[in-house]
């Protein structure tokens, strides 16, 4: 942990991406809320406190996930890619990390493709 650097900032930095895209909002939510569906009008959603891998309920589209656990520590684990392609990998890595350490602290960004420009 680095004072003043949130897990959200660390996630974006470690994946070498910007947290937001130009002129677009970012929403931070919980896994419980995500299980109700992706919020309308927001294409970049950060999810924290997701014990049940709610990303597995994301429709099979082109949404990309940037996932990280133990961010900023020697145990850091990162996975990124289209949700439909990396969902099972994240679940397996997450379960193994939790089994090994006894706890898990993970955060992820879901990024939908931007709508076509008008």
PDB file of N, CA and C in Angstrom:
ATOM      1  N   UNK A   1       0.841  -1.181   0.000  1.00  0.00           N
ATOM      2  CA  UNK A   1       0.000   0.000   0.000  1.00  0.00           C
ATOM      3  C   UNK A   1       0.880   1.236   0.000  1.00  0.00           C
ATOM      4  N   UNK A   2       0.507   2.178  -0.830  1.00  0.00           N
ATOM      5  CA  UNK A   2       1.207   3.451  -0.890  1.00  0.00           C
ATOM      6  C   UNK A   2       0.212   4.526  -0.474  1.00  0.00           C
ATOM      7  N   UNK A   3       0.499   5.249   0.613  1.00  0.00           N
ATOM      8  CA  UNK A   3      -0.438   6.284   1.059  1.00  0.00           C
ATOM      9  C   UNK A   3      -0.771   7.258  -0.071  1.00  0.00           C
ATOM     10  N   UNK A   4      -2.046   7.512  -0.244  1.00  0.00           N
ATOM     11  CA  UNK A   4      -2.511   8.455  -1.254  1.00  0.00           C
ATOM     12  C   UNK A   4      -2.760   7.841  -2.617  1.00  0.00           C
ATOM     13  N   UNK A   5      -2.359   6.579  -2.805  1.00  0.00           N
ATOM     14  CA  UNK A   5      -2.605   5.901  -4.081  1.00  0.00           C
ATOM     15  C   UNK A   5      -3.690   4.856  -3.846  1.00  0.00           C
ATOM     16  N   UNK A   6      -4.841   5.079  -4.439  1.00  0.00           N
ATOM     17  CA  UNK A   6      -5.954   4.149  -4.249  1.00  0.00           C
ATOM     18  C   UNK A   6      -5.749   2.904  -5.107  1.00  0.00           C
ATOM     19  N   UNK A   7      -6.467   1.843  -4.772  1.00  0.00           N
ATOM     20  CA  UNK A   7      -6.394   0.632  -5.585  1.00  0.00           C
ATOM     21  C   UNK A   7      -6.899   0.918  -6.999  1.00  0.00           C
ATOM     22  N   UNK A   8      -7.808   1.855  -7.137  1.00  0.00           N
ATOM     23  CA  UNK A   8      -8.330   2.216  -8.454  1.00  0.00           C
ATOM     24  C   UNK A   8      -7.226   2.860  -9.300  1.00  0.00           C
ATOM     25  N   UNK A   9      -6.495   3.786  -8.707  1.00  0.00           N
ATOM     26  CA  UNK A   9      -5.377   4.419  -9.420  1.00  0.00           C
ATOM     27  C   UNK A   9      -4.287   3.406  -9.729  1.00  0.00           C
ATOM     28  N   UNK A  10      -3.996   2.535  -8.773  1.00  0.00           N
ATOM     29  CA  UNK A  10      -2.973   1.512  -8.980  1.00  0.00           C
ATOM     30  C   UNK A  10      -3.383   0.556 -10.099  1.00  0.00           C
ATOM     31  N   UNK A  11      -4.658   0.211 -10.162  1.00  0.00           N
ATOM     32  CA  UNK A  11      -5.154  -0.684 -11.209  1.00  0.00           C
ATOM     33  C   UNK A  11      -4.895  -0.084 -12.596  1.00  0.00           C
ATOM     34  N   UNK A  12      -5.283   1.163 -12.780  1.00  0.00           N
ATOM     35  CA  UNK A  12      -5.075   1.816 -14.075  1.00  0.00           C
ATOM     36  C   UNK A  12      -3.584   1.921 -14.398  1.00  0.00           C
ATOM     37  N   UNK A  13      -2.791   2.295 -13.428  1.00  0.00           N
ATOM     38  CA  UNK A  13      -1.352   2.442 -13.653  1.00  0.00           C
ATOM     39  C   UNK A  13      -0.710   1.101 -14.017  1.00  0.00           C
ATOM     40  N   UNK A  14      -1.034   0.057 -13.305  1.00  0.00           N
ATOM     41  CA  UNK A  14      -0.417  -1.244 -13.550  1.00  0.00           C
ATOM     42  C   UNK A  14      -0.836  -1.831 -14.900  1.00  0.00           C
ATOM     43  N   UNK A  15      -2.044  -1.513 -15.357  1.00  0.00           N
ATOM     44  CA  UNK A  15      -2.476  -1.974 -16.675  1.00  0.00           C
ATOM     45  C   UNK A  15      -2.058  -0.999 -17.775  1.00  0.00           C
ATOM     46  N   UNK A  16      -1.467   0.117 -17.369  1.00  0.00           N
ATOM     47  CA  UNK A  16      -0.973   1.130 -18.295  1.00  0.00           C
ATOM     48  C   UNK A  16      -2.095   1.708 -19.171  1.00  0.00           C
ATOM     49  N   UNK A  17      -3.194   2.019 -18.492  1.00  0.00           N
ATOM     50  CA  UNK A  17      -4.354   2.609 -19.174  1.00  0.00           C
ATOM     51  C   UNK A  17      -4.803   3.843 -18.392  1.00  0.00           C
ATOM     52  N   UNK A  18      -5.536   4.705 -19.047  1.00  0.00           N
ATOM     53  CA  UNK A  18      -6.190   5.796 -18.344  1.00  0.00           C
ATOM     54  C   UNK A  18      -7.447   5.261 -17.678  1.00  0.00           C
ATOM     55  N   UNK A  19      -7.793   5.810 -16.546  1.00  0.00           N
ATOM     56  CA  UNK A  19      -9.004   5.373 -15.864  1.00  0.00           C
ATOM     57  C   UNK A  19     -10.246   5.781 -16.641  1.00  0.00           C
ATOM     58  N   UNK A  20     -10.195   6.959 -17.249  1.00  0.00           N
ATOM     59  CA  UNK A  20     -11.345   7.422 -18.019  1.00  0.00           C
ATOM     60  C   UNK A  20     -10.917   7.712 -19.448  1.00  0.00           C
ATOM     61  N   UNK A  21     -11.902   7.845 -20.289  1.00  0.00           N
ATOM     62  CA  UNK A  21     -11.641   8.237 -21.676  1.00  0.00           C
ATOM     63  C   UNK A  21     -12.145   9.666 -21.853  1.00  0.00           C
ATOM     64  N   UNK A  22     -11.611  10.359 -22.814  1.00  0.00           N
ATOM     65  CA  UNK A  22     -11.885  11.785 -22.998  1.00  0.00           C
ATOM     66  C   UNK A  22     -13.381  12.066 -23.005  1.00  0.00           C
ATOM     67  N   UNK A  23     -13.792  12.923 -22.095  1.00  0.00           N
ATOM     68  CA  UNK A  23     -15.176  13.365 -22.033  1.00  0.00           C
ATOM     69  C   UNK A  23     -16.164  12.306 -21.571  1.00  0.00           C
ATOM     70  N   UNK A  24     -15.692  11.207 -21.012  1.00  0.00           N
ATOM     71  CA  UNK A  24     -16.571  10.107 -20.615  1.00  0.00           C
ATOM     72  C   UNK A  24     -16.523   9.923 -19.101  1.00  0.00           C
ATOM     73  N   UNK A  25     -17.663   9.611 -18.492  1.00  0.00           N
ATOM     74  CA  UNK A  25     -17.692   9.395 -17.043  1.00  0.00           C
ATOM     75  C   UNK A  25     -17.152   8.014 -16.660  1.00  0.00           C
ATOM     76  N   UNK A  26     -16.752   7.913 -15.408  1.00  0.00           N
ATOM     77  CA  UNK A  26     -16.366   6.645 -14.787  1.00  0.00           C
ATOM     78  C   UNK A  26     -17.250   6.481 -13.563  1.00  0.00           C
ATOM     79  N   UNK A  27     -17.750   5.303 -13.363  1.00  0.00           N
ATOM     80  CA  UNK A  27     -18.561   5.034 -12.166  1.00  0.00           C
ATOM     81  C   UNK A  27     -17.863   3.973 -11.343  1.00  0.00           C
ATOM     82  N   UNK A  28     -17.826   4.171 -10.032  1.00  0.00           N
ATOM     83  CA  UNK A  28     -17.282   3.176  -9.109  1.00  0.00           C
ATOM     84  C   UNK A  28     -18.458   2.559  -8.379  1.00  0.00           C
ATOM     85  N   UNK A  29     -18.497   1.241  -8.355  1.00  0.00           N
ATOM     86  CA  UNK A  29     -19.613   0.543  -7.743  1.00  0.00           C
ATOM     87  C   UNK A  29     -19.124  -0.728  -7.058  1.00  0.00           C
ATOM     88  N   UNK A  30     -20.052  -1.466  -6.546  1.00  0.00           N
ATOM     89  CA  UNK A  30     -19.742  -2.727  -5.873  1.00  0.00           C
ATOM     90  C   UNK A  30     -20.200  -3.903  -6.735  1.00  0.00           C
ATOM     91  N   UNK A  31     -19.689  -5.078  -6.425  1.00  0.00           N
ATOM     92  CA  UNK A  31     -20.135  -6.275  -7.122  1.00  0.00           C
ATOM     93  C   UNK A  31     -21.620  -6.511  -6.961  1.00  0.00           C
ATOM     94  N   UNK A  32     -22.119  -6.215  -5.788  1.00  0.00           N
ATOM     95  CA  UNK A  32     -23.563  -6.392  -5.538  1.00  0.00           C
ATOM     96  C   UNK A  32     -24.382  -5.540  -6.496  1.00  0.00           C
ATOM     97  N   UNK A  33     -23.966  -4.302  -6.687  1.00  0.00           N
ATOM     98  CA  UNK A  33     -24.683  -3.413  -7.617  1.00  0.00           C
ATOM     99  C   UNK A  33     -24.498  -3.862  -9.059  1.00  0.00           C
ATOM    100  N   UNK A  34     -23.299  -4.331  -9.395  1.00  0.00           N
ATOM    101  CA  UNK A  34     -23.046  -4.784 -10.756  1.00  0.00           C
ATOM    102  C   UNK A  34     -23.924  -5.975 -11.112  1.00  0.00           C
ATOM    103  N   UNK A  35     -24.247  -6.787 -10.121  1.00  0.00           N
ATOM    104  CA  UNK A  35     -25.095  -7.961 -10.403  1.00  0.00           C
ATOM    105  C   UNK A  35     -26.473  -7.549 -10.905  1.00  0.00           C
ATOM    106  N   UNK A  36     -26.833  -6.276 -10.710  1.00  0.00           N
ATOM    107  CA  UNK A  36     -28.093  -5.738 -11.230  1.00  0.00           C
ATOM    108  C   UNK A  36     -27.947  -5.294 -12.685  1.00  0.00           C
ATOM    109  N   UNK A  37     -26.716  -5.293 -13.195  1.00  0.00           N
ATOM    110  CA  UNK A  37     -26.442  -4.904 -14.580  1.00  0.00           C
ATOM    111  C   UNK A  37     -25.532  -3.702 -14.657  1.00  0.00           C
ATOM    112  N   UNK A  38     -24.906  -3.535 -15.804  1.00  0.00           N
ATOM    113  CA  UNK A  38     -24.050  -2.370 -16.025  1.00  0.00           C
ATOM    114  C   UNK A  38     -24.912  -1.114 -16.033  1.00  0.00           C
ATOM    115  N   UNK A  39     -24.424  -0.039 -15.422  1.00  0.00           N
ATOM    116  CA  UNK A  39     -25.219   1.195 -15.398  1.00  0.00           C
ATOM    117  C   UNK A  39     -25.400   1.773 -16.801  1.00  0.00           C
ATOM    118  N   UNK A  40     -26.540   2.355 -17.033  1.00  0.00           N
ATOM    119  CA  UNK A  40     -26.839   2.992 -18.313  1.00  0.00           C
ATOM    120  C   UNK A  40     -25.999   4.261 -18.465  1.00  0.00           C
ATOM    121  N   UNK A  41     -25.526   4.502 -19.664  1.00  0.00           N
ATOM    122  CA  UNK A  41     -24.832   5.744 -19.970  1.00  0.00           C
ATOM    123  C   UNK A  41     -23.415   5.836 -19.456  1.00  0.00           C
ATOM    124  N   UNK A  42     -22.889   4.769 -18.905  1.00  0.00           N
ATOM    125  CA  UNK A  42     -21.517   4.762 -18.397  1.00  0.00           C
ATOM    126  C   UNK A  42     -20.804   3.581 -19.041  1.00  0.00           C
ATOM    127  N   UNK A  43     -19.685   3.874 -19.702  1.00  0.00           N
ATOM    128  CA  UNK A  43     -18.968   2.812 -20.403  1.00  0.00           C
ATOM    129  C   UNK A  43     -17.735   2.324 -19.662  1.00  0.00           C
ATOM    130  N   UNK A  44     -17.347   3.018 -18.588  1.00  0.00           N
ATOM    131  CA  UNK A  44     -16.199   2.627 -17.776  1.00  0.00           C
ATOM    132  C   UNK A  44     -16.659   2.497 -16.333  1.00  0.00           C
ATOM    133  N   UNK A  45     -16.652   1.260 -15.826  1.00  0.00           N
ATOM    134  CA  UNK A  45     -17.172   0.982 -14.488  1.00  0.00           C
ATOM    135  C   UNK A  45     -16.105   0.267 -13.674  1.00  0.00           C
ATOM    136  N   UNK A  46     -15.723   0.862 -12.561  1.00  0.00           N
ATOM    137  CA  UNK A  46     -14.784   0.238 -11.630  1.00  0.00           C
ATOM    138  C   UNK A  46     -15.600  -0.505 -10.583  1.00  0.00           C
ATOM    139  N   UNK A  47     -15.206  -1.736 -10.314  1.00  0.00           N
ATOM    140  CA  UNK A  47     -15.934  -2.564  -9.362  1.00  0.00           C
ATOM    141  C   UNK A  47     -15.007  -2.965  -8.220  1.00  0.00           C
ATOM    142  N   UNK A  48     -15.496  -2.745  -7.018  1.00  0.00           N
ATOM    143  CA  UNK A  48     -14.770  -3.120  -5.801  1.00  0.00           C
ATOM    144  C   UNK A  48     -15.727  -3.962  -4.948  1.00  0.00           C
ATOM    145  N   UNK A  49     -15.161  -4.723  -4.044  1.00  0.00           N
ATOM    146  CA  UNK A  49     -15.956  -5.537  -3.116  1.00  0.00           C
ATOM    147  C   UNK A  49     -16.864  -6.503  -3.868  1.00  0.00           C
ATOM    148  N   UNK A  50     -16.263  -7.332  -4.702  1.00  0.00           N
ATOM    149  CA  UNK A  50     -17.026  -8.283  -5.506  1.00  0.00           C
ATOM    150  C   UNK A  50     -16.635  -9.715  -5.153  1.00  0.00           C
ATOM    151  N   UNK A  51     -17.211 -10.237  -4.103  1.00  0.00           N
ATOM    152  CA  UNK A  51     -16.886 -11.585  -3.633  1.00  0.00           C
ATOM    153  C   UNK A  51     -17.438 -12.674  -4.538  1.00  0.00           C
ATOM    154  N   UNK A  52     -18.378 -12.318  -5.427  1.00  0.00           N
ATOM    155  CA  UNK A  52     -19.059 -13.346  -6.220  1.00  0.00           C
ATOM    156  C   UNK A  52     -18.797 -13.244  -7.722  1.00  0.00           C
ATOM    157  N   UNK A  53     -17.753 -12.508  -8.100  1.00  0.00           N
ATOM    158  CA  UNK A  53     -17.368 -12.400  -9.519  1.00  0.00           C
ATOM    159  C   UNK A  53     -18.555 -12.009 -10.397  1.00  0.00           C
ATOM    160  N   UNK A  54     -19.172 -10.884 -10.076  1.00  0.00           N
ATOM    161  CA  UNK A  54     -20.351 -10.423 -10.823  1.00  0.00           C
ATOM    162  C   UNK A  54     -20.053 -10.177 -12.297  1.00  0.00           C
ATOM    163  N   UNK A  55     -18.786 -10.013 -12.648  1.00  0.00           N
ATOM    164  CA  UNK A  55     -18.444  -9.814 -14.057  1.00  0.00           C
ATOM    165  C   UNK A  55     -18.857 -11.007 -14.916  1.00  0.00           C
ATOM    166  N   UNK A  56     -19.055 -12.158 -14.302  1.00  0.00           N
ATOM    167  CA  UNK A  56     -19.480 -13.334 -15.068  1.00  0.00           C
ATOM    168  C   UNK A  56     -20.893 -13.163 -15.613  1.00  0.00           C
ATOM    169  N   UNK A  57     -21.645 -12.222 -15.088  1.00  0.00           N
ATOM    170  CA  UNK A  57     -23.000 -11.975 -15.560  1.00  0.00           C
ATOM    171  C   UNK A  57     -23.084 -10.907 -16.636  1.00  0.00           C
ATOM    172  N   UNK A  58     -21.932 -10.389 -17.055  1.00  0.00           N
ATOM    173  CA  UNK A  58     -21.918  -9.370 -18.097  1.00  0.00           C
ATOM    174  C   UNK A  58     -22.328 -10.030 -19.412  1.00  0.00           C
ATOM    175  N   UNK A  59     -23.210  -9.399 -20.173  1.00  0.00           N
ATOM    176  CA  UNK A  59     -23.619  -9.991 -21.454  1.00  0.00           C
ATOM    177  C   UNK A  59     -22.402 -10.303 -22.331  1.00  0.00           C
ATOM    178  N   UNK A  60     -22.537 -11.295 -23.139  1.00  0.00           N
ATOM    179  CA  UNK A  60     -21.451 -11.737 -24.004  1.00  0.00           C
ATOM    180  C   UNK A  60     -21.263 -10.741 -25.142  1.00  0.00           C
ATOM    181  N   UNK A  61     -20.620  -9.629 -24.832  1.00  0.00           N
ATOM    182  CA  UNK A  61     -20.358  -8.609 -25.843  1.00  0.00           C
ATOM    183  C   UNK A  61     -18.863  -8.302 -25.862  1.00  0.00           C
ATOM    184  N   UNK A  62     -18.507  -7.100 -26.239  1.00  0.00           N
ATOM    185  CA  UNK A  62     -17.090  -6.750 -26.360  1.00  0.00           C
ATOM    186  C   UNK A  62     -16.541  -6.009 -25.148  1.00  0.00           C
ATOM    187  N   UNK A  63     -17.185  -6.130 -23.989  1.00  0.00           N
ATOM    188  CA  UNK A  63     -16.696  -5.483 -22.781  1.00  0.00           C
ATOM    189  C   UNK A  63     -15.352  -6.082 -22.388  1.00  0.00           C
ATOM    190  N   UNK A  64     -14.409  -5.202 -22.059  1.00  0.00           N
ATOM    191  CA  UNK A  64     -13.067  -5.617 -21.652  1.00  0.00           C
ATOM    192  C   UNK A  64     -12.949  -5.432 -20.146  1.00  0.00           C
ATOM    193  N   UNK A  65     -12.224  -6.341 -19.490  1.00  0.00           N
ATOM    194  CA  UNK A  65     -11.986  -6.241 -18.060  1.00  0.00           C
ATOM    195  C   UNK A  65     -10.495  -6.069 -17.815  1.00  0.00           C
ATOM    196  N   UNK A  66     -10.175  -5.152 -16.904  1.00  0.00           N
ATOM    197  CA  UNK A  66      -8.820  -4.963 -16.404  1.00  0.00           C
ATOM    198  C   UNK A  66      -8.899  -5.314 -14.928  1.00  0.00           C
ATOM    199  N   UNK A  67      -8.416  -6.486 -14.565  1.00  0.00           N
ATOM    200  CA  UNK A  67      -8.574  -7.022 -13.210  1.00  0.00           C
ATOM    201  C   UNK A  67      -7.226  -7.057 -12.507  1.00  0.00           C
ATOM    202  N   UNK A  68      -7.245  -6.786 -11.218  1.00  0.00           N
ATOM    203  CA  UNK A  68      -6.021  -6.868 -10.429  1.00  0.00           C
ATOM    204  C   UNK A  68      -6.319  -7.211  -8.988  1.00  0.00           C
ATOM    205  N   UNK A  69      -5.410  -7.964  -8.388  1.00  0.00           N
ATOM    206  CA  UNK A  69      -5.516  -8.308  -6.970  1.00  0.00           C
ATOM    207  C   UNK A  69      -4.203  -7.968  -6.284  1.00  0.00           C
ATOM    208  N   UNK A  70      -4.281  -7.629  -5.012  1.00  0.00           N
ATOM    209  CA  UNK A  70      -3.106  -7.284  -4.203  1.00  0.00           C
ATOM    210  C   UNK A  70      -2.267  -6.204  -4.890  1.00  0.00           C
ATOM    211  N   UNK A  71      -2.965  -5.230  -5.475  1.00  0.00           N
ATOM    212  CA  UNK A  71      -2.302  -4.186  -6.253  1.00  0.00           C
ATOM    213  C   UNK A  71      -1.248  -3.454  -5.430  1.00  0.00           C
ATOM    214  N   UNK A  72      -0.087  -3.259  -6.034  1.00  0.00           N
ATOM    215  CA  UNK A  72       0.993  -2.537  -5.382  1.00  0.00           C
ATOM    216  C   UNK A  72       1.781  -3.349  -4.384  1.00  0.00           C
ATOM    217  N   UNK A  73       1.566  -4.646  -4.342  1.00  0.00           N
ATOM    218  CA  UNK A  73       2.306  -5.512  -3.416  1.00  0.00           C
ATOM    219  C   UNK A  73       3.109  -6.535  -4.221  1.00  0.00           C
ATOM    220  N   UNK A  74       4.038  -7.232  -3.590  1.00  0.00           N
ATOM    221  CA  UNK A  74       4.781  -8.276  -4.306  1.00  0.00           C
ATOM    222  C   UNK A  74       3.888  -9.419  -4.797  1.00  0.00           C
ATOM    223  N   UNK A  75       2.699  -9.576  -4.232  1.00  0.00           N
ATOM    224  CA  UNK A  75       1.772 -10.637  -4.624  1.00  0.00           C
ATOM    225  C   UNK A  75       0.818 -10.212  -5.743  1.00  0.00           C
ATOM    226  N   UNK A  76       1.026  -9.041  -6.304  1.00  0.00           N
ATOM    227  CA  UNK A  76       0.119  -8.498  -7.319  1.00  0.00           C
ATOM    228  C   UNK A  76      -0.116  -9.486  -8.460  1.00  0.00           C
ATOM    229  N   UNK A  77      -1.376  -9.559  -8.892  1.00  0.00           N
ATOM    230  CA  UNK A  77      -1.784 -10.407 -10.007  1.00  0.00           C
ATOM    231  C   UNK A  77      -2.645  -9.558 -10.941  1.00  0.00           C
ATOM    232  N   UNK A  78      -2.382  -9.629 -12.239  1.00  0.00           N
ATOM    233  CA  UNK A  78      -3.125  -8.852 -13.224  1.00  0.00           C
ATOM    234  C   UNK A  78      -3.624  -9.761 -14.344  1.00  0.00           C
ATOM    235  N   UNK A  79      -4.830  -9.496 -14.812  1.00  0.00           N
ATOM    236  CA  UNK A  79      -5.395 -10.175 -15.982  1.00  0.00           C
ATOM    237  C   UNK A  79      -6.215  -9.133 -16.738  1.00  0.00           C
ATOM    238  N   UNK A  80      -6.134  -9.151 -18.054  1.00  0.00           N
ATOM    239  CA  UNK A  80      -6.937  -8.227 -18.860  1.00  0.00           C
ATOM    240  C   UNK A  80      -7.329  -8.893 -20.162  1.00  0.00           C
ATOM    241  N   UNK A  81      -8.481  -8.482 -20.666  1.00  0.00           N
ATOM    242  CA  UNK A  81      -8.949  -8.972 -21.954  1.00  0.00           C
ATOM    243  C   UNK A  81     -10.454  -8.901 -22.014  1.00  0.00           C
ATOM    244  N   UNK A  82     -11.025  -9.313 -23.139  1.00  0.00           N
ATOM    245  CA  UNK A  82     -12.481  -9.355 -23.228  1.00  0.00           C
ATOM    246  C   UNK A  82     -13.042 -10.274 -22.140  1.00  0.00           C
ATOM    247  N   UNK A  83     -14.090  -9.832 -21.478  1.00  0.00           N
ATOM    248  CA  UNK A  83     -14.668 -10.609 -20.368  1.00  0.00           C
ATOM    249  C   UNK A  83     -14.965 -12.032 -20.808  1.00  0.00           C
ATOM    250  N   UNK A  84     -15.534 -12.191 -21.983  1.00  0.00           N
ATOM    251  CA  UNK A  84     -15.918 -13.530 -22.437  1.00  0.00           C
ATOM    252  C   UNK A  84     -14.711 -14.450 -22.597  1.00  0.00           C
ATOM    253  N   UNK A  85     -13.514 -13.875 -22.797  1.00  0.00           N
ATOM    254  CA  UNK A  85     -12.309 -14.685 -22.995  1.00  0.00           C
ATOM    255  C   UNK A  85     -11.520 -14.936 -21.714  1.00  0.00           C
ATOM    256  N   UNK A  86     -11.573 -14.023 -20.743  1.00  0.00           N
ATOM    257  CA  UNK A  86     -10.725 -14.152 -19.557  1.00  0.00           C
ATOM    258  C   UNK A  86     -11.490 -14.414 -18.266  1.00  0.00           C
ATOM    259  N   UNK A  87     -12.808 -14.502 -18.346  1.00  0.00           N
ATOM    260  CA  UNK A  87     -13.630 -14.694 -17.155  1.00  0.00           C
ATOM    261  C   UNK A  87     -13.211 -15.925 -16.351  1.00  0.00           C
ATOM    262  N   UNK A  88     -13.066 -17.050 -17.016  1.00  0.00           N
ATOM    263  CA  UNK A  88     -12.689 -18.282 -16.314  1.00  0.00           C
ATOM    264  C   UNK A  88     -11.273 -18.195 -15.757  1.00  0.00           C
ATOM    265  N   UNK A  89     -10.372 -17.556 -16.493  1.00  0.00           N
ATOM    266  CA  UNK A  89      -9.001 -17.377 -16.016  1.00  0.00           C
ATOM    267  C   UNK A  89      -8.986 -16.544 -14.742  1.00  0.00           C
ATOM    268  N   UNK A  90      -9.723 -15.448 -14.733  1.00  0.00           N
ATOM    269  CA  UNK A  90      -9.779 -14.600 -13.537  1.00  0.00           C
ATOM    270  C   UNK A  90     -10.333 -15.387 -12.357  1.00  0.00           C
ATOM    271  N   UNK A  91     -11.399 -16.129 -12.561  1.00  0.00           N
ATOM    272  CA  UNK A  91     -11.978 -16.911 -11.471  1.00  0.00           C
ATOM    273  C   UNK A  91     -10.974 -17.915 -10.918  1.00  0.00           C
ATOM    274  N   UNK A  92     -10.222 -18.572 -11.792  1.00  0.00           N
ATOM    275  CA  UNK A  92      -9.225 -19.557 -11.344  1.00  0.00           C
ATOM    276  C   UNK A  92      -8.073 -18.887 -10.610  1.00  0.00           C
ATOM    277  N   UNK A  93      -7.549 -17.804 -11.166  1.00  0.00           N
ATOM    278  CA  UNK A  93      -6.446 -17.077 -10.527  1.00  0.00           C
ATOM    279  C   UNK A  93      -6.893 -16.527  -9.180  1.00  0.00           C
ATOM    280  N   UNK A  94      -8.093 -15.987  -9.160  1.00  0.00           N
ATOM    281  CA  UNK A  94      -8.653 -15.419  -7.930  1.00  0.00           C
ATOM    282  C   UNK A  94      -8.797 -16.481  -6.850  1.00  0.00           C
ATOM    283  N   UNK A  95      -9.354 -17.631  -7.207  1.00  0.00           N
ATOM    284  CA  UNK A  95      -9.551 -18.716  -6.233  1.00  0.00           C
ATOM    285  C   UNK A  95      -8.215 -19.225  -5.696  1.00  0.00           C
ATOM    286  N   UNK A  96      -7.228 -19.378  -6.579  1.00  0.00           N
ATOM    287  CA  UNK A  96      -5.909 -19.850  -6.144  1.00  0.00           C
ATOM    288  C   UNK A  96      -5.233 -18.831  -5.224  1.00  0.00           C
ATOM    289  N   UNK A  97      -5.313 -17.552  -5.581  1.00  0.00           N
ATOM    290  CA  UNK A  97      -4.709 -16.502  -4.748  1.00  0.00           C
ATOM    291  C   UNK A  97      -5.379 -16.449  -3.374  1.00  0.00           C
ATOM    292  N   UNK A  98      -6.687 -16.576  -3.357  1.00  0.00           N
ATOM    293  CA  UNK A  98      -7.415 -16.548  -2.090  1.00  0.00           C
ATOM    294  C   UNK A  98      -7.081 -17.775  -1.245  1.00  0.00           C
ATOM    295  N   UNK A  99      -6.961 -18.919  -1.882  1.00  0.00           N
ATOM    296  CA  UNK A  99      -6.601 -20.136  -1.154  1.00  0.00           C
ATOM    297  C   UNK A  99      -5.198 -20.001  -0.550  1.00  0.00           C
ATOM    298  N   UNK A 100      -4.277 -19.473  -1.333  1.00  0.00           N
ATOM    299  CA  UNK A 100      -2.891 -19.331  -0.900  1.00  0.00           C
ATOM    300  C   UNK A 100      -2.747 -18.326   0.238  1.00  0.00           C
ATOM    301  N   UNK A 101      -3.415 -17.193   0.140  1.00  0.00           N
ATOM    302  CA  UNK A 101      -3.240 -16.121   1.128  1.00  0.00           C
ATOM    303  C   UNK A 101      -4.306 -16.116   2.223  1.00  0.00           C
ATOM    304  N   UNK A 102      -5.452 -16.751   1.957  1.00  0.00           N
ATOM    305  CA  UNK A 102      -6.525 -16.751   2.949  1.00  0.00           C
ATOM    306  C   UNK A 102      -7.485 -15.578   2.803  1.00  0.00           C
ATOM    307  N   UNK A 103      -7.192 -14.678   1.920  1.00  0.00           N
ATOM    308  CA  UNK A 103      -8.052 -13.524   1.666  1.00  0.00           C
ATOM    309  C   UNK A 103      -7.733 -13.004   0.267  1.00  0.00           C
ATOM    310  N   UNK A 104      -8.618 -12.191  -0.262  1.00  0.00           N
ATOM    311  CA  UNK A 104      -8.381 -11.570  -1.577  1.00  0.00           C
ATOM    312  C   UNK A 104      -8.876 -10.134  -1.538  1.00  0.00           C
ATOM    313  N   UNK A 105      -8.114  -9.266  -2.137  1.00  0.00           N
ATOM    314  CA  UNK A 105      -8.515  -7.874  -2.289  1.00  0.00           C
ATOM    315  C   UNK A 105      -8.298  -7.550  -3.758  1.00  0.00           C
ATOM    316  N   UNK A 106      -9.382  -7.524  -4.529  1.00  0.00           N
ATOM    317  CA  UNK A 106      -9.254  -7.268  -5.952  1.00  0.00           C
ATOM    318  C   UNK A 106     -10.161  -6.130  -6.385  1.00  0.00           C
ATOM    319  N   UNK A 107      -9.795  -5.561  -7.505  1.00  0.00           N
ATOM    320  CA  UNK A 107     -10.507  -4.428  -8.089  1.00  0.00           C
ATOM    321  C   UNK A 107     -10.455  -4.617  -9.595  1.00  0.00           C
ATOM    322  N   UNK A 108     -11.492  -4.182 -10.288  1.00  0.00           N
ATOM    323  CA  UNK A 108     -11.412  -4.269 -11.742  1.00  0.00           C
ATOM    324  C   UNK A 108     -12.182  -3.149 -12.414  1.00  0.00           C
ATOM    325  N   UNK A 109     -11.778  -2.897 -13.654  1.00  0.00           N
ATOM    326  CA  UNK A 109     -12.430  -1.919 -14.512  1.00  0.00           C
ATOM    327  C   UNK A 109     -13.080  -2.672 -15.662  1.00  0.00           C
ATOM    328  N   UNK A 110     -14.351  -2.434 -15.867  1.00  0.00           N
ATOM    329  CA  UNK A 110     -15.057  -2.936 -17.044  1.00  0.00           C
ATOM    330  C   UNK A 110     -15.164  -1.790 -18.035  1.00  0.00           C
ATOM    331  N   UNK A 111     -14.768  -2.052 -19.257  1.00  0.00           N
ATOM    332  CA  UNK A 111     -14.763  -0.990 -20.282  1.00  0.00           C
ATOM    333  C   UNK A 111     -15.518  -1.477 -21.506  1.00  0.00           C
ATOM    334  N   UNK A 112     -16.671  -0.832 -21.724  1.00  0.00           N
ATOM    335  CA  UNK A 112     -17.455  -1.159 -22.923  1.00  0.00           C
ATOM    336  C   UNK A 112     -16.910  -0.356 -24.101  1.00  0.00           C
ATOM    337  N   UNK A 113     -17.078  -0.885 -25.306  1.00  0.00           N
ATOM    338  CA  UNK A 113     -16.679  -0.097 -26.477  1.00  0.00           C
ATOM    339  C   UNK A 113     -17.500   1.187 -26.527  1.00  0.00           C
ATOM    340  N   UNK A 114     -16.891   2.247 -26.988  1.00  0.00           N
ATOM    341  CA  UNK A 114     -17.631   3.503 -27.118  1.00  0.00           C
ATOM    342  C   UNK A 114     -18.645   3.395 -28.242  1.00  0.00           C
ATOM    343  N   UNK A 115     -19.791   4.049 -28.057  1.00  0.00           N
ATOM    344  CA  UNK A 115     -20.779   4.055 -29.137  1.00  0.00           C
ATOM    345  C   UNK A 115     -20.196   4.779 -30.357  1.00  0.00           C
ATOM    346  N   UNK A 116     -20.670   4.459 -31.533  1.00  0.00           N
ATOM    347  CA  UNK A 116     -20.165   5.126 -32.747  1.00  0.00           C
ATOM    348  C   UNK A 116     -20.381   6.643 -32.666  1.00  0.00           C
ATOM    349  N   UNK A 117     -19.420   7.381 -33.184  1.00  0.00           N
ATOM    350  CA  UNK A 117     -19.538   8.843 -33.214  1.00  0.00           C
ATOM    351  C   UNK A 117     -20.660   9.231 -34.154  1.00  0.00           C
ATOM    352  N   UNK A 118     -21.345  10.297 -33.789  1.00  0.00           N
ATOM    353  CA  UNK A 118     -22.456  10.764 -34.636  1.00  0.00           C
ATOM    354  C   UNK A 118     -21.995  11.736 -35.656  1.00  0.00           C
TER     355      UNK A 118
END
